[in-house]
Amino acid sequence: MTSAKSSAAGRPPRAKAVLIAVVGLHLVAETALTPFLPQLFDRLYAIDDPGATGLYLWVCRIVGLAALPL
């Protein structure tokens, strides 16, 4: 028998807390770096179109939201 308590999904409570912390850190980091992405795209890929940066951000955030339940 183990003494660790399990959540409804069969994971220890600590794993759930770590997962929530990682998702929160990702959201904060992505939001903090968003203003600098146009400069990054210009320097790395020579893309200076703000529409391309906006499309990239839109796609990344939609995919991230879709992947959260997984």
PDB file of N, CA and C in Angstrom:
ATOM      1  N   MET A   1       0.842  -1.189   0.000  1.00  0.00           N
ATOM      2  CA  MET A   1       0.000   0.000   0.000  1.00  0.00           C
ATOM      3  C   MET A   1       0.877   1.238   0.000  1.00  0.00           C
ATOM      4  N   THR A   2       0.435   2.219  -0.708  1.00  0.00           N
ATOM      5  CA  THR A   2       1.166   3.476  -0.719  1.00  0.00           C
ATOM      6  C   THR A   2       0.441   4.476   0.152  1.00  0.00           C
ATOM      7  N   SER A   3       1.223   5.395   0.699  1.00  0.00           N
ATOM      8  CA  SER A   3       0.626   6.392   1.574  1.00  0.00           C
ATOM      9  C   SER A   3       0.276   7.679   0.840  1.00  0.00           C
ATOM     10  N   ALA A   4       0.663   7.764  -0.425  1.00  0.00           N
ATOM     11  CA  ALA A   4       0.359   8.972  -1.199  1.00  0.00           C
ATOM     12  C   ALA A   4      -1.110   8.951  -1.622  1.00  0.00           C
ATOM     13  N   LYS A   5      -1.756  10.084  -1.457  1.00  0.00           N
ATOM     14  CA  LYS A   5      -3.152  10.201  -1.876  1.00  0.00           C
ATOM     15  C   LYS A   5      -3.197  10.459  -3.371  1.00  0.00           C
ATOM     16  N   SER A   6      -4.186   9.912  -4.024  1.00  0.00           N
ATOM     17  CA  SER A   6      -4.331  10.094  -5.465  1.00  0.00           C
ATOM     18  C   SER A   6      -5.550  10.947  -5.746  1.00  0.00           C
ATOM     19  N   SER A   7      -5.481  11.689  -6.821  1.00  0.00           N
ATOM     20  CA  SER A   7      -6.620  12.482  -7.251  1.00  0.00           C
ATOM     21  C   SER A   7      -7.554  11.600  -8.056  1.00  0.00           C
ATOM     22  N   ALA A   8      -8.631  12.177  -8.549  1.00  0.00           N
ATOM     23  CA  ALA A   8      -9.619  11.410  -9.304  1.00  0.00           C
ATOM     24  C   ALA A   8      -9.035  10.847 -10.591  1.00  0.00           C
ATOM     25  N   ALA A   9      -8.047  11.519 -11.159  1.00  0.00           N
ATOM     26  CA  ALA A   9      -7.450  11.050 -12.408  1.00  0.00           C
ATOM     27  C   ALA A   9      -6.360  10.015 -12.174  1.00  0.00           C
ATOM     28  N   GLY A  10      -6.072   9.675 -10.933  1.00  0.00           N
ATOM     29  CA  GLY A  10      -5.067   8.675 -10.651  1.00  0.00           C
ATOM     30  C   GLY A  10      -3.667   9.252 -10.499  1.00  0.00           C
ATOM     31  N   ARG A  11      -3.526  10.563 -10.526  1.00  0.00           N
ATOM     32  CA  ARG A  11      -2.224  11.203 -10.365  1.00  0.00           C
ATOM     33  C   ARG A  11      -2.103  11.735  -8.943  1.00  0.00           C
ATOM     34  N   PRO A  12      -0.899  11.758  -8.417  1.00  0.00           N
ATOM     35  CA  PRO A  12      -0.716  12.364  -7.090  1.00  0.00           C
ATOM     36  C   PRO A  12      -1.018  13.865  -7.149  1.00  0.00           C
ATOM     37  N   PRO A  13      -1.463  14.466  -6.058  1.00  0.00           N
ATOM     38  CA  PRO A  13      -1.793  15.892  -6.059  1.00  0.00           C
ATOM     39  C   PRO A  13      -0.599  16.776  -6.446  1.00  0.00           C
ATOM     40  N   ARG A  14       0.601  16.322  -6.143  1.00  0.00           N
ATOM     41  CA  ARG A  14       1.788  17.112  -6.470  1.00  0.00           C
ATOM     42  C   ARG A  14       1.969  17.253  -7.985  1.00  0.00           C
ATOM     43  N   ALA A  15       1.682  16.204  -8.723  1.00  0.00           N
ATOM     44  CA  ALA A  15       1.814  16.247 -10.174  1.00  0.00           C
ATOM     45  C   ALA A  15       0.830  17.252 -10.773  1.00  0.00           C
ATOM     46  N   LYS A  16      -0.362  17.306 -10.225  1.00  0.00           N
ATOM     47  CA  LYS A  16      -1.361  18.260 -10.708  1.00  0.00           C
ATOM     48  C   LYS A  16      -0.897  19.692 -10.431  1.00  0.00           C
ATOM     49  N   ALA A  17      -0.311  19.935  -9.283  1.00  0.00           N
ATOM     50  CA  ALA A  17       0.190  21.267  -8.947  1.00  0.00           C
ATOM     51  C   ALA A  17       1.343  21.671  -9.858  1.00  0.00           C
ATOM     52  N   VAL A  18       2.211  20.727 -10.174  1.00  0.00           N
ATOM     53  CA  VAL A  18       3.325  21.019 -11.082  1.00  0.00           C
ATOM     54  C   VAL A  18       2.797  21.336 -12.477  1.00  0.00           C
ATOM     55  N   LEU A  19       1.814  20.593 -12.950  1.00  0.00           N
ATOM     56  CA  LEU A  19       1.226  20.843 -14.260  1.00  0.00           C
ATOM     57  C   LEU A  19       0.591  22.230 -14.325  1.00  0.00           C
ATOM     58  N   ILE A  20      -0.141  22.607 -13.304  1.00  0.00           N
ATOM     59  CA  ILE A  20      -0.758  23.938 -13.255  1.00  0.00           C
ATOM     60  C   ILE A  20       0.307  25.017 -13.221  1.00  0.00           C
ATOM     61  N   ALA A  21       1.390  24.796 -12.473  1.00  0.00           N
ATOM     62  CA  ALA A  21       2.479  25.774 -12.412  1.00  0.00           C
ATOM     63  C   ALA A  21       3.167  25.935 -13.763  1.00  0.00           C
ATOM     64  N   VAL A  22       3.362  24.842 -14.476  1.00  0.00           N
ATOM     65  CA  VAL A  22       4.012  24.908 -15.791  1.00  0.00           C
ATOM     66  C   VAL A  22       3.130  25.661 -16.792  1.00  0.00           C
ATOM     67  N   VAL A  23       1.847  25.385 -16.786  1.00  0.00           N
ATOM     68  CA  VAL A  23       0.925  26.085 -17.687  1.00  0.00           C
ATOM     69  C   VAL A  23       0.905  27.576 -17.354  1.00  0.00           C
ATOM     70  N   GLY A  24       0.857  27.911 -16.075  1.00  0.00           N
ATOM     71  CA  GLY A  24       0.873  29.314 -15.664  1.00  0.00           C
ATOM     72  C   GLY A  24       2.153  30.016 -16.066  1.00  0.00           C
ATOM     73  N   LEU A  25       3.281  29.361 -15.875  1.00  0.00           N
ATOM     74  CA  LEU A  25       4.563  29.946 -16.260  1.00  0.00           C
ATOM     75  C   LEU A  25       4.639  30.150 -17.768  1.00  0.00           C
ATOM     76  N   HIS A  26       4.128  29.199 -18.525  1.00  0.00           N
ATOM     77  CA  HIS A  26       4.112  29.334 -19.982  1.00  0.00           C
ATOM     78  C   HIS A  26       3.290  30.550 -20.410  1.00  0.00           C
ATOM     79  N   LEU A  27       2.120  30.715 -19.825  1.00  0.00           N
ATOM     80  CA  LEU A  27       1.262  31.839 -20.194  1.00  0.00           C
ATOM     81  C   LEU A  27       1.907  33.179 -19.848  1.00  0.00           C
ATOM     82  N   VAL A  28       2.539  33.266 -18.688  1.00  0.00           N
ATOM     83  CA  VAL A  28       3.210  34.506 -18.283  1.00  0.00           C
ATOM     84  C   VAL A  28       4.396  34.792 -19.198  1.00  0.00           C
ATOM     85  N   ALA A  29       5.200  33.781 -19.489  1.00  0.00           N
ATOM     86  CA  ALA A  29       6.377  33.978 -20.342  1.00  0.00           C
ATOM     87  C   ALA A  29       5.978  34.362 -21.757  1.00  0.00           C
ATOM     88  N   GLU A  30       4.963  33.714 -22.297  1.00  0.00           N
ATOM     89  CA  GLU A  30       4.527  34.039 -23.655  1.00  0.00           C
ATOM     90  C   GLU A  30       4.001  35.468 -23.724  1.00  0.00           C
ATOM     91  N   THR A  31       3.238  35.873 -22.718  1.00  0.00           N
ATOM     92  CA  THR A  31       2.703  37.224 -22.692  1.00  0.00           C
ATOM     93  C   THR A  31       3.823  38.257 -22.549  1.00  0.00           C
ATOM     94  N   ALA A  32       4.823  37.946 -21.753  1.00  0.00           N
ATOM     95  CA  ALA A  32       5.933  38.886 -21.560  1.00  0.00           C
ATOM     96  C   ALA A  32       6.786  39.029 -22.817  1.00  0.00           C
ATOM     97  N   LEU A  33       6.911  37.974 -23.601  1.00  0.00           N
ATOM     98  CA  LEU A  33       7.749  38.015 -24.803  1.00  0.00           C
ATOM     99  C   LEU A  33       7.015  38.500 -26.051  1.00  0.00           C
ATOM    100  N   THR A  34       5.702  38.593 -26.007  1.00  0.00           N
ATOM    101  CA  THR A  34       4.918  38.978 -27.180  1.00  0.00           C
ATOM    102  C   THR A  34       5.369  40.299 -27.814  1.00  0.00           C
ATOM    103  N   PRO A  35       5.653  41.358 -27.058  1.00  0.00           N
ATOM    104  CA  PRO A  35       6.060  42.613 -27.714  1.00  0.00           C
ATOM    105  C   PRO A  35       7.378  42.519 -28.484  1.00  0.00           C
ATOM    106  N   PHE A  36       8.202  41.536 -28.177  1.00  0.00           N
ATOM    107  CA  PHE A  36       9.509  41.419 -28.805  1.00  0.00           C
ATOM    108  C   PHE A  36       9.524  40.476 -30.011  1.00  0.00           C
ATOM    109  N   LEU A  37       8.436  39.788 -30.276  1.00  0.00           N
ATOM    110  CA  LEU A  37       8.401  38.839 -31.387  1.00  0.00           C
ATOM    111  C   LEU A  37       8.579  39.486 -32.756  1.00  0.00           C
ATOM    112  N   PRO A  38       8.014  40.676 -33.028  1.00  0.00           N
ATOM    113  CA  PRO A  38       8.281  41.283 -34.343  1.00  0.00           C
ATOM    114  C   PRO A  38       9.774  41.535 -34.589  1.00  0.00           C
ATOM    115  N   GLN A  39      10.500  41.969 -33.561  1.00  0.00           N
ATOM    116  CA  GLN A  39      11.949  42.175 -33.700  1.00  0.00           C
ATOM    117  C   GLN A  39      12.663  40.851 -33.930  1.00  0.00           C
ATOM    118  N   LEU A  40      12.241  39.819 -33.227  1.00  0.00           N
ATOM    119  CA  LEU A  40      12.851  38.500 -33.383  1.00  0.00           C
ATOM    120  C   LEU A  40      12.636  37.968 -34.797  1.00  0.00           C
ATOM    121  N   PHE A  41      11.408  38.077 -35.293  1.00  0.00           N
ATOM    122  CA  PHE A  41      11.128  37.609 -36.647  1.00  0.00           C
ATOM    123  C   PHE A  41      11.932  38.385 -37.677  1.00  0.00           C
ATOM    124  N   ASP A  42      12.081  39.692 -37.465  1.00  0.00           N
ATOM    125  CA  ASP A  42      12.838  40.514 -38.404  1.00  0.00           C
ATOM    126  C   ASP A  42      14.312  40.114 -38.416  1.00  0.00           C
ATOM    127  N   ARG A  43      14.897  39.896 -37.249  1.00  0.00           N
ATOM    128  CA  ARG A  43      16.328  39.556 -37.177  1.00  0.00           C
ATOM    129  C   ARG A  43      16.628  38.128 -37.608  1.00  0.00           C
ATOM    130  N   LEU A  44      15.791  37.181 -37.212  1.00  0.00           N
ATOM    131  CA  LEU A  44      16.080  35.775 -37.518  1.00  0.00           C
ATOM    132  C   LEU A  44      15.634  35.353 -38.903  1.00  0.00           C
ATOM    133  N   TYR A  45      14.448  35.810 -39.309  1.00  0.00           N
ATOM    134  CA  TYR A  45      13.858  35.308 -40.543  1.00  0.00           C
ATOM    135  C   TYR A  45      13.658  36.367 -41.613  1.00  0.00           C
ATOM    136  N   ALA A  46      14.032  37.602 -41.331  1.00  0.00           N
ATOM    137  CA  ALA A  46      13.855  38.740 -42.242  1.00  0.00           C
ATOM    138  C   ALA A  46      12.391  38.929 -42.635  1.00  0.00           C
ATOM    139  N   ILE A  47      11.491  38.683 -41.683  1.00  0.00           N
ATOM    140  CA  ILE A  47      10.058  38.899 -41.891  1.00  0.00           C
ATOM    141  C   ILE A  47       9.681  40.144 -41.111  1.00  0.00           C
ATOM    142  N   ASP A  48       9.309  41.208 -41.825  1.00  0.00           N
ATOM    143  CA  ASP A  48       8.965  42.450 -41.143  1.00  0.00           C
ATOM    144  C   ASP A  48       7.480  42.795 -41.258  1.00  0.00           C
ATOM    145  N   ASP A  49       6.684  41.855 -41.703  1.00  0.00           N
ATOM    146  CA  ASP A  49       5.244  42.065 -41.832  1.00  0.00           C
ATOM    147  C   ASP A  49       4.554  41.801 -40.493  1.00  0.00           C
ATOM    148  N   PRO A  50       3.903  42.809 -39.895  1.00  0.00           N
ATOM    149  CA  PRO A  50       3.214  42.576 -38.617  1.00  0.00           C
ATOM    150  C   PRO A  50       2.081  41.556 -38.739  1.00  0.00           C
ATOM    151  N   GLY A  51       1.503  41.433 -39.925  1.00  0.00           N
ATOM    152  CA  GLY A  51       0.445  40.437 -40.124  1.00  0.00           C
ATOM    153  C   GLY A  51       0.946  39.015 -39.950  1.00  0.00           C
ATOM    154  N   ALA A  52       2.175  38.759 -40.383  1.00  0.00           N
ATOM    155  CA  ALA A  52       2.755  37.421 -40.220  1.00  0.00           C
ATOM    156  C   ALA A  52       2.982  37.116 -38.744  1.00  0.00           C
ATOM    157  N   THR A  53       3.445  38.111 -37.994  1.00  0.00           N
ATOM    158  CA  THR A  53       3.650  37.919 -36.550  1.00  0.00           C
ATOM    159  C   THR A  53       2.315  37.681 -35.862  1.00  0.00           C
ATOM    160  N   GLY A  54       1.306  38.454 -36.254  1.00  0.00           N
ATOM    161  CA  GLY A  54      -0.016  38.281 -35.665  1.00  0.00           C
ATOM    162  C   GLY A  54      -0.607  36.918 -35.968  1.00  0.00           C
ATOM    163  N   LEU A  55      -0.426  36.450 -37.185  1.00  0.00           N
ATOM    164  CA  LEU A  55      -0.917  35.119 -37.557  1.00  0.00           C
ATOM    165  C   LEU A  55      -0.212  34.036 -36.747  1.00  0.00           C
ATOM    166  N   TYR A  56       1.101  34.179 -36.582  1.00  0.00           N
ATOM    167  CA  TYR A  56       1.871  33.222 -35.786  1.00  0.00           C
ATOM    168  C   TYR A  56       1.346  33.171 -34.345  1.00  0.00           C
ATOM    169  N   LEU A  57       1.146  34.336 -33.748  1.00  0.00           N
ATOM    170  CA  LEU A  57       0.638  34.385 -32.374  1.00  0.00           C
ATOM    171  C   LEU A  57      -0.758  33.781 -32.282  1.00  0.00           C
ATOM    172  N   TRP A  58      -1.606  34.087 -33.246  1.00  0.00           N
ATOM    173  CA  TRP A  58      -2.969  33.568 -33.239  1.00  0.00           C
ATOM    174  C   TRP A  58      -2.969  32.046 -33.316  1.00  0.00           C
ATOM    175  N   VAL A  59      -2.182  31.497 -34.231  1.00  0.00           N
ATOM    176  CA  VAL A  59      -2.123  30.040 -34.396  1.00  0.00           C
ATOM    177  C   VAL A  59      -1.563  29.376 -33.142  1.00  0.00           C
ATOM    178  N   CYS A  60      -0.485  29.935 -32.581  1.00  0.00           N
ATOM    179  CA  CYS A  60       0.121  29.344 -31.376  1.00  0.00           C
ATOM    180  C   CYS A  60      -0.846  29.343 -30.201  1.00  0.00           C
ATOM    181  N   ARG A  61      -1.582  30.418 -30.028  1.00  0.00           N
ATOM    182  CA  ARG A  61      -2.508  30.492 -28.894  1.00  0.00           C
ATOM    183  C   ARG A  61      -3.717  29.580 -29.084  1.00  0.00           C
ATOM    184  N   ILE A  62      -4.208  29.470 -30.300  1.00  0.00           N
ATOM    185  CA  ILE A  62      -5.332  28.553 -30.554  1.00  0.00           C
ATOM    186  C   ILE A  62      -4.887  27.096 -30.326  1.00  0.00           C
ATOM    187  N   VAL A  63      -3.717  26.742 -30.815  1.00  0.00           N
ATOM    188  CA  VAL A  63      -3.211  25.378 -30.607  1.00  0.00           C
ATOM    189  C   VAL A  63      -2.971  25.127 -29.114  1.00  0.00           C
ATOM    190  N   GLY A  64      -2.428  26.120 -28.416  1.00  0.00           N
ATOM    191  CA  GLY A  64      -2.215  25.975 -26.982  1.00  0.00           C
ATOM    192  C   GLY A  64      -3.513  25.783 -26.216  1.00  0.00           C
ATOM    193  N   LEU A  65      -4.538  26.536 -26.569  1.00  0.00           N
ATOM    194  CA  LEU A  65      -5.840  26.371 -25.914  1.00  0.00           C
ATOM    195  C   LEU A  65      -6.454  25.008 -26.223  1.00  0.00           C
ATOM    196  N   ALA A  66      -6.286  24.557 -27.457  1.00  0.00           N
ATOM    197  CA  ALA A  66      -6.825  23.251 -27.826  1.00  0.00           C
ATOM    198  C   ALA A  66      -6.095  22.119 -27.110  1.00  0.00           C
ATOM    199  N   ALA A  67      -4.807  22.306 -26.818  1.00  0.00           N
ATOM    200  CA  ALA A  67      -4.018  21.257 -26.188  1.00  0.00           C
ATOM    201  C   ALA A  67      -4.157  21.224 -24.670  1.00  0.00           C
ATOM    202  N   LEU A  68      -4.676  22.282 -24.067  1.00  0.00           N
ATOM    203  CA  LEU A  68      -4.775  22.309 -22.602  1.00  0.00           C
ATOM    204  C   LEU A  68      -5.560  21.140 -22.012  1.00  0.00           C
ATOM    205  N   PRO A  69      -6.689  20.740 -22.567  1.00  0.00           N
ATOM    206  CA  PRO A  69      -7.408  19.613 -21.953  1.00  0.00           C
ATOM    207  C   PRO A  69      -6.630  18.283 -22.008  1.00  0.00           C
ATOM    208  N   LEU A  70      -5.702  18.174 -22.926  1.00  0.00           N
ATOM    209  CA  LEU A  70      -4.941  16.921 -23.037  1.00  0.00           C
ATOM    210  C   LEU A  70      -4.079  16.732 -21.823  1.00  0.00           C
TER     211      LEU A  70
END
